[in-house]
Amino acid sequence: MIGKKLRIHDIMDANDRALIVELDAGLYGLNLSNIKDTLEKLPLELIDAIILSPGKATKLCDFFTRKLGPSLIVRCDWTNAHWDDKFILAKERVRHIITCPADSGSRIGASALVGSLFVGGEHDEDDCINLNNLCIVVRSCIDFGLPFLVECLPQGPRITIDNFADAAEMAARVMIEIGADMVAAPSLGSEKKWADFVGCCEDKPLFYVEKRQSGVDFQVLDRELEFHLKGSGNGLIINGFIPNLHKNIQLLAKKIHKK
């Protein structure tokens, strides 16, 4: 569809690569920082797209009206899957709901919607609800010519070091069959695993996603990004609330954009 192609083109550079910054942690209650202040500190000319919640995307639309500014990607879902033992509320079951369907994303002016697919949870029912919710959004995105980016996130008691990459590949393949246009996955640990992942994603843009906002070692991240790019990956999605990110983003952008 021409609408999807044009919007994906808005996100990617001439080499089909992109640096994307996530600033939607407040949607999960994980970061209560002032997003406007964070945006003002980031070198937006080096960033290809920014992920925001639907509410913040509406309020901060002025940041996306600049000719050389980043594209807007809107988060379509909410989940408590990111809550750990240190969070203020206990998590009894993994929950997943849709907060921004395709028609709302289109009215906001998004270049794409993004959602997370978790696999490996304790209860099959939770994974199935998550998949069904995203399926509804992906199919409606077709009607609006709106690209859908899925984050494939193996997480739960059934995920091990040995099956992590296979679980991510399975999630990606299922979402591509449903109609996802772009795929993201966490660290896979080697160039070969990234190359295998690219193969399962066919010709879809594939990103390495780093969702942590603390404990990130930039040397380790740089090495994993190198694996990803050598394996024919298309770029990085990184948590915008990582301390000192603005000091490292120029190096990340240079590596991604081959400059």
C-alpha atoms as a PDB file:
ATOM      1  CA  MET A   1       0.000   0.000   0.000  1.00  0.00           C
ATOM      2  CA  ILE A   2       1.371   3.381  -0.997  1.00  0.00           C
ATOM      3  CA  GLY A   3       0.333   5.043   2.284  1.00  0.00           C
ATOM      4  CA  LYS A   4       2.357   2.596   4.331  1.00  0.00           C
ATOM      5  CA  LYS A   5       5.367   2.865   2.034  1.00  0.00           C
ATOM      6  CA  LEU A   6       5.403   6.656   2.259  1.00  0.00           C
ATOM      7  CA  ARG A   7       5.124   6.629   6.046  1.00  0.00           C
ATOM      8  CA  ILE A   8       7.875   4.034   6.472  1.00  0.00           C
ATOM      9  CA  HIS A   9      10.012   6.167   4.131  1.00  0.00           C
ATOM     10  CA  ASP A  10       9.452   9.111   6.496  1.00  0.00           C
ATOM     11  CA  ILE A  11      10.954   7.078   9.352  1.00  0.00           C
ATOM     12  CA  MET A  12      13.952   5.527   7.559  1.00  0.00           C
ATOM     13  CA  ASP A  13      17.016   7.276   6.125  1.00  0.00           C
ATOM     14  CA  ALA A  14      18.406   6.828   2.604  1.00  0.00           C
ATOM     15  CA  ASN A  15      20.135   3.594   3.712  1.00  0.00           C
ATOM     16  CA  ASP A  16      16.886   2.189   5.179  1.00  0.00           C
ATOM     17  CA  ARG A  17      18.136   2.701   8.719  1.00  0.00           C
ATOM     18  CA  ALA A  18      16.702   4.586  11.670  1.00  0.00           C
ATOM     19  CA  LEU A  19      17.435   5.683  15.229  1.00  0.00           C
ATOM     20  CA  ILE A  20      14.192   5.675  17.229  1.00  0.00           C
ATOM     21  CA  VAL A  21      13.799   6.973  20.792  1.00  0.00           C
ATOM     22  CA  GLU A  22      11.067   5.672  23.112  1.00  0.00           C
ATOM     23  CA  LEU A  23       9.570   8.231  25.497  1.00  0.00           C
ATOM     24  CA  ASP A  24       6.430   6.350  26.520  1.00  0.00           C
ATOM     25  CA  ALA A  25       7.529   4.871  29.870  1.00  0.00           C
ATOM     26  CA  GLY A  26       5.101   7.155  31.684  1.00  0.00           C
ATOM     27  CA  LEU A  27       2.241   5.170  30.144  1.00  0.00           C
ATOM     28  CA  TYR A  28       3.301   2.201  32.300  1.00  0.00           C
ATOM     29  CA  GLY A  29       4.006   4.327  35.371  1.00  0.00           C
ATOM     30  CA  LEU A  30       7.733   3.610  35.031  1.00  0.00           C
ATOM     31  CA  ASN A  31       8.948   7.169  34.539  1.00  0.00           C
ATOM     32  CA  LEU A  32       7.255  10.383  35.612  1.00  0.00           C
ATOM     33  CA  SER A  33       9.789  12.787  34.074  1.00  0.00           C
ATOM     34  CA  ASN A  34       8.696  15.829  32.108  1.00  0.00           C
ATOM     35  CA  ILE A  35       8.759  14.577  28.510  1.00  0.00           C
ATOM     36  CA  LYS A  36       8.829  18.067  27.040  1.00  0.00           C
ATOM     37  CA  ASP A  37      12.031  18.832  28.968  1.00  0.00           C
ATOM     38  CA  THR A  38      13.540  15.538  27.784  1.00  0.00           C
ATOM     39  CA  LEU A  39      12.685  16.291  24.156  1.00  0.00           C
ATOM     40  CA  GLU A  40      14.234  19.748  24.409  1.00  0.00           C
ATOM     41  CA  LYS A  41      17.540  18.235  25.598  1.00  0.00           C
ATOM     42  CA  LEU A  42      17.784  15.638  22.831  1.00  0.00           C
ATOM     43  CA  PRO A  43      19.469  16.446  19.481  1.00  0.00           C
ATOM     44  CA  LEU A  44      16.310  15.885  17.432  1.00  0.00           C
ATOM     45  CA  GLU A  45      18.159  16.375  14.145  1.00  0.00           C
ATOM     46  CA  LEU A  46      19.954  13.047  14.820  1.00  0.00           C
ATOM     47  CA  ILE A  47      16.777  11.120  15.665  1.00  0.00           C
ATOM     48  CA  ASP A  48      14.579   9.612  12.954  1.00  0.00           C
ATOM     49  CA  ALA A  49      11.467   8.921  15.034  1.00  0.00           C
ATOM     50  CA  ILE A  50      10.144   9.236  18.576  1.00  0.00           C
ATOM     51  CA  ILE A  51       7.642   6.918  20.255  1.00  0.00           C
ATOM     52  CA  LEU A  52       5.055   8.628  22.461  1.00  0.00           C
ATOM     53  CA  SER A  53       1.811   7.686  24.169  1.00  0.00           C
ATOM     54  CA  PRO A  54      -1.310   8.999  22.393  1.00  0.00           C
ATOM     55  CA  GLY A  55      -1.902  11.675  25.024  1.00  0.00           C
ATOM     56  CA  LYS A  56       1.639  13.059  24.883  1.00  0.00           C
ATOM     57  CA  ALA A  57       1.680  12.840  21.085  1.00  0.00           C
ATOM     58  CA  THR A  58      -1.333  15.164  20.995  1.00  0.00           C
ATOM     59  CA  LYS A  59       0.152  17.653  23.468  1.00  0.00           C
ATOM     60  CA  LEU A  60       3.657  17.718  22.002  1.00  0.00           C
ATOM     61  CA  CYS A  61       2.778  17.819  18.300  1.00  0.00           C
ATOM     62  CA  ASP A  62       4.864  20.992  17.747  1.00  0.00           C
ATOM     63  CA  PHE A  63       8.048  18.899  18.010  1.00  0.00           C
ATOM     64  CA  PHE A  64       7.002  17.004  14.875  1.00  0.00           C
ATOM     65  CA  THR A  65       6.174  19.913  12.588  1.00  0.00           C
ATOM     66  CA  ARG A  66       9.786  20.779  11.778  1.00  0.00           C
ATOM     67  CA  LYS A  67      11.005  19.842   8.296  1.00  0.00           C
ATOM     68  CA  LEU A  68      14.146  18.124   9.544  1.00  0.00           C
ATOM     69  CA  GLY A  69      12.585  16.861  12.765  1.00  0.00           C
ATOM     70  CA  PRO A  70      11.784  13.274  13.765  1.00  0.00           C
ATOM     71  CA  SER A  71       8.710  11.316  12.704  1.00  0.00           C
ATOM     72  CA  LEU A  72       6.035  10.435  15.248  1.00  0.00           C
ATOM     73  CA  ILE A  73       5.295   6.832  16.241  1.00  0.00           C
ATOM     74  CA  VAL A  74       2.387   6.350  18.671  1.00  0.00           C
ATOM     75  CA  ARG A  75       2.157   3.575  21.252  1.00  0.00           C
ATOM     76  CA  CYS A  76      -1.090   1.676  20.724  1.00  0.00           C
ATOM     77  CA  ASP A  77      -1.133  -0.468  23.873  1.00  0.00           C
ATOM     78  CA  TRP A  78      -0.712  -0.605  27.655  1.00  0.00           C
ATOM     79  CA  THR A  79       0.608  -3.517  29.690  1.00  0.00           C
ATOM     80  CA  ASN A  80       1.809  -4.274  33.189  1.00  0.00           C
ATOM     81  CA  ALA A  81       4.330  -6.801  31.847  1.00  0.00           C
ATOM     82  CA  HIS A  82       7.150  -4.317  32.520  1.00  0.00           C
ATOM     83  CA  TRP A  83       6.380  -4.149  36.249  1.00  0.00           C
ATOM     84  CA  ASP A  84       8.986  -5.945  38.374  1.00  0.00           C
ATOM     85  CA  ASP A  85       9.269  -6.733  42.091  1.00  0.00           C
ATOM     86  CA  LYS A  86      10.406  -3.170  42.814  1.00  0.00           C
ATOM     87  CA  PHE A  87       7.295  -1.571  41.317  1.00  0.00           C
ATOM     88  CA  ILE A  88       4.811   0.070  43.700  1.00  0.00           C
ATOM     89  CA  LEU A  89       1.994  -2.336  42.704  1.00  0.00           C
ATOM     90  CA  ALA A  90       2.083  -6.120  42.754  1.00  0.00           C
ATOM     91  CA  LYS A  91       1.413  -7.877  39.440  1.00  0.00           C
ATOM     92  CA  GLU A  92      -0.900 -10.892  39.711  1.00  0.00           C
ATOM     93  CA  ARG A  93      -1.312 -11.556  35.974  1.00  0.00           C
ATOM     94  CA  VAL A  94       0.031  -9.958  32.820  1.00  0.00           C
ATOM     95  CA  ARG A  95      -2.574  -7.602  31.377  1.00  0.00           C
ATOM     96  CA  HIS A  96      -2.680  -6.015  27.932  1.00  0.00           C
ATOM     97  CA  ILE A  97      -5.156  -3.505  26.505  1.00  0.00           C
ATOM     98  CA  ILE A  98      -5.368  -1.303  23.415  1.00  0.00           C
ATOM     99  CA  THR A  99      -5.207   2.432  24.095  1.00  0.00           C
ATOM    100  CA  CYS A 100      -4.897   3.828  20.563  1.00  0.00           C
ATOM    101  CA  PRO A 101      -6.572   2.046  17.618  1.00  0.00           C
ATOM    102  CA  ALA A 102      -5.599   2.796  14.035  1.00  0.00           C
ATOM    103  CA  ASP A 103      -8.224   5.489  13.442  1.00  0.00           C
ATOM    104  CA  SER A 104      -7.043   7.450  16.499  1.00  0.00           C
ATOM    105  CA  GLY A 105      -3.408   7.110  15.465  1.00  0.00           C
ATOM    106  CA  SER A 106      -4.255   8.378  12.002  1.00  0.00           C
ATOM    107  CA  ARG A 107      -6.078  11.428  13.400  1.00  0.00           C
ATOM    108  CA  ILE A 108      -3.127  12.226  15.683  1.00  0.00           C
ATOM    109  CA  GLY A 109      -0.847  12.247  12.631  1.00  0.00           C
ATOM    110  CA  ALA A 110       1.313   9.243  13.452  1.00  0.00           C
ATOM    111  CA  SER A 111       3.738   7.869  10.887  1.00  0.00           C
ATOM    112  CA  ALA A 112       3.245   4.441  12.485  1.00  0.00           C
ATOM    113  CA  LEU A 113       1.763   2.642  15.489  1.00  0.00           C
ATOM    114  CA  VAL A 114       3.826   0.429  17.788  1.00  0.00           C
ATOM    115  CA  GLY A 115       2.741  -2.402  20.073  1.00  0.00           C
ATOM    116  CA  SER A 116       4.415  -5.116  22.159  1.00  0.00           C
ATOM    117  CA  LEU A 117       3.931  -8.870  21.830  1.00  0.00           C
ATOM    118  CA  PHE A 118       5.082 -10.814  24.899  1.00  0.00           C
ATOM    119  CA  VAL A 119       5.690 -14.551  24.574  1.00  0.00           C
ATOM    120  CA  GLY A 120       6.637 -17.106  27.212  1.00  0.00           C
ATOM    121  CA  GLY A 121       4.336 -15.975  30.009  1.00  0.00           C
ATOM    122  CA  GLU A 122       3.107 -18.238  32.757  1.00  0.00           C
ATOM    123  CA  HIS A 123      -0.402 -18.427  31.283  1.00  0.00           C
ATOM    124  CA  ASP A 124      -1.108 -19.164  27.602  1.00  0.00           C
ATOM    125  CA  GLU A 125      -4.295 -17.134  27.903  1.00  0.00           C
ATOM    126  CA  ASP A 126      -2.345 -13.939  28.626  1.00  0.00           C
ATOM    127  CA  ASP A 127      -0.169 -14.398  25.519  1.00  0.00           C
ATOM    128  CA  CYS A 128      -3.269 -15.127  23.430  1.00  0.00           C
ATOM    129  CA  ILE A 129      -5.090 -11.991  24.614  1.00  0.00           C
ATOM    130  CA  ASN A 130      -2.000  -9.936  23.792  1.00  0.00           C
ATOM    131  CA  LEU A 131      -1.808 -11.460  20.309  1.00  0.00           C
ATOM    132  CA  ASN A 132      -5.527 -11.016  19.641  1.00  0.00           C
ATOM    133  CA  ASN A 133      -5.407  -7.340  20.673  1.00  0.00           C
ATOM    134  CA  LEU A 134      -2.510  -6.616  18.332  1.00  0.00           C
ATOM    135  CA  CYS A 135      -4.149  -8.591  15.530  1.00  0.00           C
ATOM    136  CA  ILE A 136      -7.185  -6.291  15.648  1.00  0.00           C
ATOM    137  CA  VAL A 137      -4.982  -3.176  15.473  1.00  0.00           C
ATOM    138  CA  VAL A 138      -2.767  -4.538  12.683  1.00  0.00           C
ATOM    139  CA  ARG A 139      -5.730  -5.432  10.502  1.00  0.00           C
ATOM    140  CA  SER A 140      -7.326  -1.995  11.042  1.00  0.00           C
ATOM    141  CA  CYS A 141      -3.993  -0.309  10.188  1.00  0.00           C
ATOM    142  CA  ILE A 142      -4.385  -1.686   6.670  1.00  0.00           C
ATOM    143  CA  ASP A 143      -7.564   0.374   6.192  1.00  0.00           C
ATOM    144  CA  PHE A 144      -5.728   3.579   7.152  1.00  0.00           C
ATOM    145  CA  GLY A 145      -2.443   2.897   5.343  1.00  0.00           C
ATOM    146  CA  LEU A 146      -0.723   3.099   8.724  1.00  0.00           C
ATOM    147  CA  PRO A 147       2.423   0.988   9.297  1.00  0.00           C
ATOM    148  CA  PHE A 148       2.587  -1.205  12.394  1.00  0.00           C
ATOM    149  CA  LEU A 149       5.825  -1.812  14.322  1.00  0.00           C
ATOM    150  CA  VAL A 150       5.783  -4.804  16.685  1.00  0.00           C
ATOM    151  CA  GLU A 151       8.220  -5.274  19.560  1.00  0.00           C
ATOM    152  CA  CYS A 152       8.741  -9.034  20.018  1.00  0.00           C
ATOM    153  CA  LEU A 153       9.601  -9.496  23.697  1.00  0.00           C
ATOM    154  CA  PRO A 154      10.270 -12.997  25.082  1.00  0.00           C
ATOM    155  CA  GLN A 155       9.605 -12.759  28.814  1.00  0.00           C
ATOM    156  CA  GLY A 156       8.379 -15.125  31.488  1.00  0.00           C
ATOM    157  CA  PRO A 157       9.067 -18.434  33.245  1.00  0.00           C
ATOM    158  CA  ARG A 158       9.173 -20.423  29.999  1.00  0.00           C
ATOM    159  CA  ILE A 159      11.925 -18.294  28.436  1.00  0.00           C
ATOM    160  CA  THR A 160      15.523 -19.462  28.793  1.00  0.00           C
ATOM    161  CA  ILE A 161      18.870 -18.427  27.325  1.00  0.00           C
ATOM    162  CA  ASP A 162      18.593 -21.363  24.929  1.00  0.00           C
ATOM    163  CA  ASN A 163      15.130 -20.573  23.535  1.00  0.00           C
ATOM    164  CA  PHE A 164      15.169 -16.751  23.741  1.00  0.00           C
ATOM    165  CA  ALA A 165      16.118 -16.086  20.111  1.00  0.00           C
ATOM    166  CA  ASP A 166      13.759 -18.815  18.828  1.00  0.00           C
ATOM    167  CA  ALA A 167      10.876 -17.341  20.842  1.00  0.00           C
ATOM    168  CA  ALA A 168      11.576 -13.885  19.411  1.00  0.00           C
ATOM    169  CA  GLU A 169      11.676 -15.316  15.884  1.00  0.00           C
ATOM    170  CA  MET A 170       8.386 -17.141  16.446  1.00  0.00           C
ATOM    171  CA  ALA A 171       6.707 -13.956  17.681  1.00  0.00           C
ATOM    172  CA  ALA A 172       8.039 -11.999  14.701  1.00  0.00           C
ATOM    173  CA  ARG A 173       6.886 -14.602  12.195  1.00  0.00           C
ATOM    174  CA  VAL A 174       3.373 -14.721  13.658  1.00  0.00           C
ATOM    175  CA  MET A 175       3.056 -10.922  13.569  1.00  0.00           C
ATOM    176  CA  ILE A 176       4.364 -10.716   9.995  1.00  0.00           C
ATOM    177  CA  GLU A 177       1.809 -13.328   8.946  1.00  0.00           C
ATOM    178  CA  ILE A 178      -0.881 -11.161  10.551  1.00  0.00           C
ATOM    179  CA  GLY A 179       0.359  -8.057   8.741  1.00  0.00           C
ATOM    180  CA  ALA A 180       3.002  -6.222  10.801  1.00  0.00           C
ATOM    181  CA  ASP A 181       5.244  -3.960   8.706  1.00  0.00           C
ATOM    182  CA  MET A 182       8.272  -3.519  10.993  1.00  0.00           C
ATOM    183  CA  VAL A 183       9.759  -5.694  13.732  1.00  0.00           C
ATOM    184  CA  ALA A 184      11.902  -5.077  16.812  1.00  0.00           C
ATOM    185  CA  ALA A 185      13.592  -7.478  19.229  1.00  0.00           C
ATOM    186  CA  PRO A 186      15.877  -7.208  22.280  1.00  0.00           C
ATOM    187  CA  SER A 187      19.506  -8.311  22.413  1.00  0.00           C
ATOM    188  CA  LEU A 188      20.062 -11.655  20.665  1.00  0.00           C
ATOM    189  CA  GLY A 189      23.762 -11.848  21.517  1.00  0.00           C
ATOM    190  CA  SER A 190      25.489 -12.609  18.229  1.00  0.00           C
ATOM    191  CA  GLU A 191      25.724 -11.563  14.595  1.00  0.00           C
ATOM    192  CA  LYS A 192      24.530 -15.010  13.455  1.00  0.00           C
ATOM    193  CA  LYS A 193      21.370 -14.858  15.581  1.00  0.00           C
ATOM    194  CA  TRP A 194      20.567 -11.422  14.169  1.00  0.00           C
ATOM    195  CA  ALA A 195      21.150 -12.714  10.631  1.00  0.00           C
ATOM    196  CA  ASP A 196      18.800 -15.647  11.312  1.00  0.00           C
ATOM    197  CA  PHE A 197      16.225 -13.233  12.689  1.00  0.00           C
ATOM    198  CA  VAL A 198      16.471 -11.064   9.580  1.00  0.00           C
ATOM    199  CA  GLY A 199      15.816 -14.179   7.502  1.00  0.00           C
ATOM    200  CA  CYS A 200      12.590 -14.955   9.360  1.00  0.00           C
ATOM    201  CA  CYS A 201      11.447 -11.339   8.947  1.00  0.00           C
ATOM    202  CA  GLU A 202      11.699 -11.550   5.153  1.00  0.00           C
ATOM    203  CA  ASP A 203      12.057  -7.984   3.830  1.00  0.00           C
ATOM    204  CA  LYS A 204      10.567  -6.163   6.825  1.00  0.00           C
ATOM    205  CA  PRO A 205      12.646  -3.485   8.605  1.00  0.00           C
ATOM    206  CA  LEU A 206      14.134  -4.981  11.780  1.00  0.00           C
ATOM    207  CA  PHE A 207      15.284  -3.017  14.837  1.00  0.00           C
ATOM    208  CA  TYR A 208      17.242  -3.797  17.976  1.00  0.00           C
ATOM    209  CA  VAL A 209      15.229  -2.520  20.962  1.00  0.00           C
ATOM    210  CA  GLU A 210      16.754  -1.560  24.326  1.00  0.00           C
ATOM    211  CA  LYS A 211      13.855  -0.920  26.693  1.00  0.00           C
ATOM    212  CA  ARG A 212      15.781  -0.615  29.970  1.00  0.00           C
ATOM    213  CA  GLN A 213      16.185   2.847  31.441  1.00  0.00           C
ATOM    214  CA  SER A 214      18.830   1.907  33.997  1.00  0.00           C
ATOM    215  CA  GLY A 215      21.818  -0.406  34.111  1.00  0.00           C
ATOM    216  CA  VAL A 216      22.603   0.119  30.416  1.00  0.00           C
ATOM    217  CA  ASP A 217      26.297  -0.286  29.555  1.00  0.00           C
ATOM    218  CA  PHE A 218      26.890   1.734  26.392  1.00  0.00           C
ATOM    219  CA  GLN A 219      29.904  -0.379  25.437  1.00  0.00           C
ATOM    220  CA  VAL A 220      27.752  -3.525  25.549  1.00  0.00           C
ATOM    221  CA  LEU A 221      24.948  -1.728  23.699  1.00  0.00           C
ATOM    222  CA  ASP A 222      27.411  -0.573  21.037  1.00  0.00           C
ATOM    223  CA  ARG A 223      28.672  -4.128  20.547  1.00  0.00           C
ATOM    224  CA  GLU A 224      25.142  -5.533  20.246  1.00  0.00           C
ATOM    225  CA  LEU A 225      24.229  -2.792  17.781  1.00  0.00           C
ATOM    226  CA  GLU A 226      27.288  -3.775  15.743  1.00  0.00           C
ATOM    227  CA  PHE A 227      26.064  -7.413  15.682  1.00  0.00           C
ATOM    228  CA  HIS A 228      22.618  -6.217  14.644  1.00  0.00           C
ATOM    229  CA  LEU A 229      23.804  -3.975  11.805  1.00  0.00           C
ATOM    230  CA  LYS A 230      26.258  -6.562  10.469  1.00  0.00           C
ATOM    231  CA  GLY A 231      23.381  -9.030  10.462  1.00  0.00           C
ATOM    232  CA  SER A 232      21.512  -6.677   8.080  1.00  0.00           C
ATOM    233  CA  GLY A 233      19.438  -5.014  10.794  1.00  0.00           C
ATOM    234  CA  ASN A 234      17.942  -1.564  10.244  1.00  0.00           C
ATOM    235  CA  GLY A 235      18.690   0.336  13.438  1.00  0.00           C
ATOM    236  CA  LEU A 236      17.980   0.915  17.105  1.00  0.00           C
ATOM    237  CA  ILE A 237      15.005   1.698  19.332  1.00  0.00           C
ATOM    238  CA  ILE A 238      16.291   3.032  22.644  1.00  0.00           C
ATOM    239  CA  ASN A 239      14.687   4.180  25.898  1.00  0.00           C
ATOM    240  CA  GLY A 240      14.900   7.954  25.937  1.00  0.00           C
ATOM    241  CA  PHE A 241      15.132   8.127  29.735  1.00  0.00           C
ATOM    242  CA  ILE A 242      18.518   6.400  29.968  1.00  0.00           C
ATOM    243  CA  PRO A 243      20.841   8.682  31.977  1.00  0.00           C
ATOM    244  CA  ASN A 244      23.286  10.613  29.770  1.00  0.00           C
ATOM    245  CA  LEU A 245      21.642   9.360  26.589  1.00  0.00           C
ATOM    246  CA  HIS A 246      22.071  12.794  24.979  1.00  0.00           C
ATOM    247  CA  LYS A 247      25.853  12.426  25.401  1.00  0.00           C
ATOM    248  CA  ASN A 248      25.934   9.089  23.561  1.00  0.00           C
ATOM    249  CA  ILE A 249      23.271   9.577  20.939  1.00  0.00           C
ATOM    250  CA  GLN A 250      25.643  11.236  18.467  1.00  0.00           C
ATOM    251  CA  LEU A 251      27.856   8.112  18.419  1.00  0.00           C
ATOM    252  CA  LEU A 252      24.824   5.841  18.017  1.00  0.00           C
ATOM    253  CA  ALA A 253      23.478   7.972  15.171  1.00  0.00           C
ATOM    254  CA  LYS A 254      26.867   7.996  13.428  1.00  0.00           C
ATOM    255  CA  LYS A 255      27.068   4.196  13.523  1.00  0.00           C
ATOM    256  CA  ILE A 256      23.494   3.696  12.337  1.00  0.00           C
ATOM    257  CA  HIS A 257      23.596   6.273   9.560  1.00  0.00           C
ATOM    258  CA  LYS A 258      27.098   5.339   8.348  1.00  0.00           C
ATOM    259  CA  LYS A 259      28.384   8.906   8.725  1.00  0.00           C
END
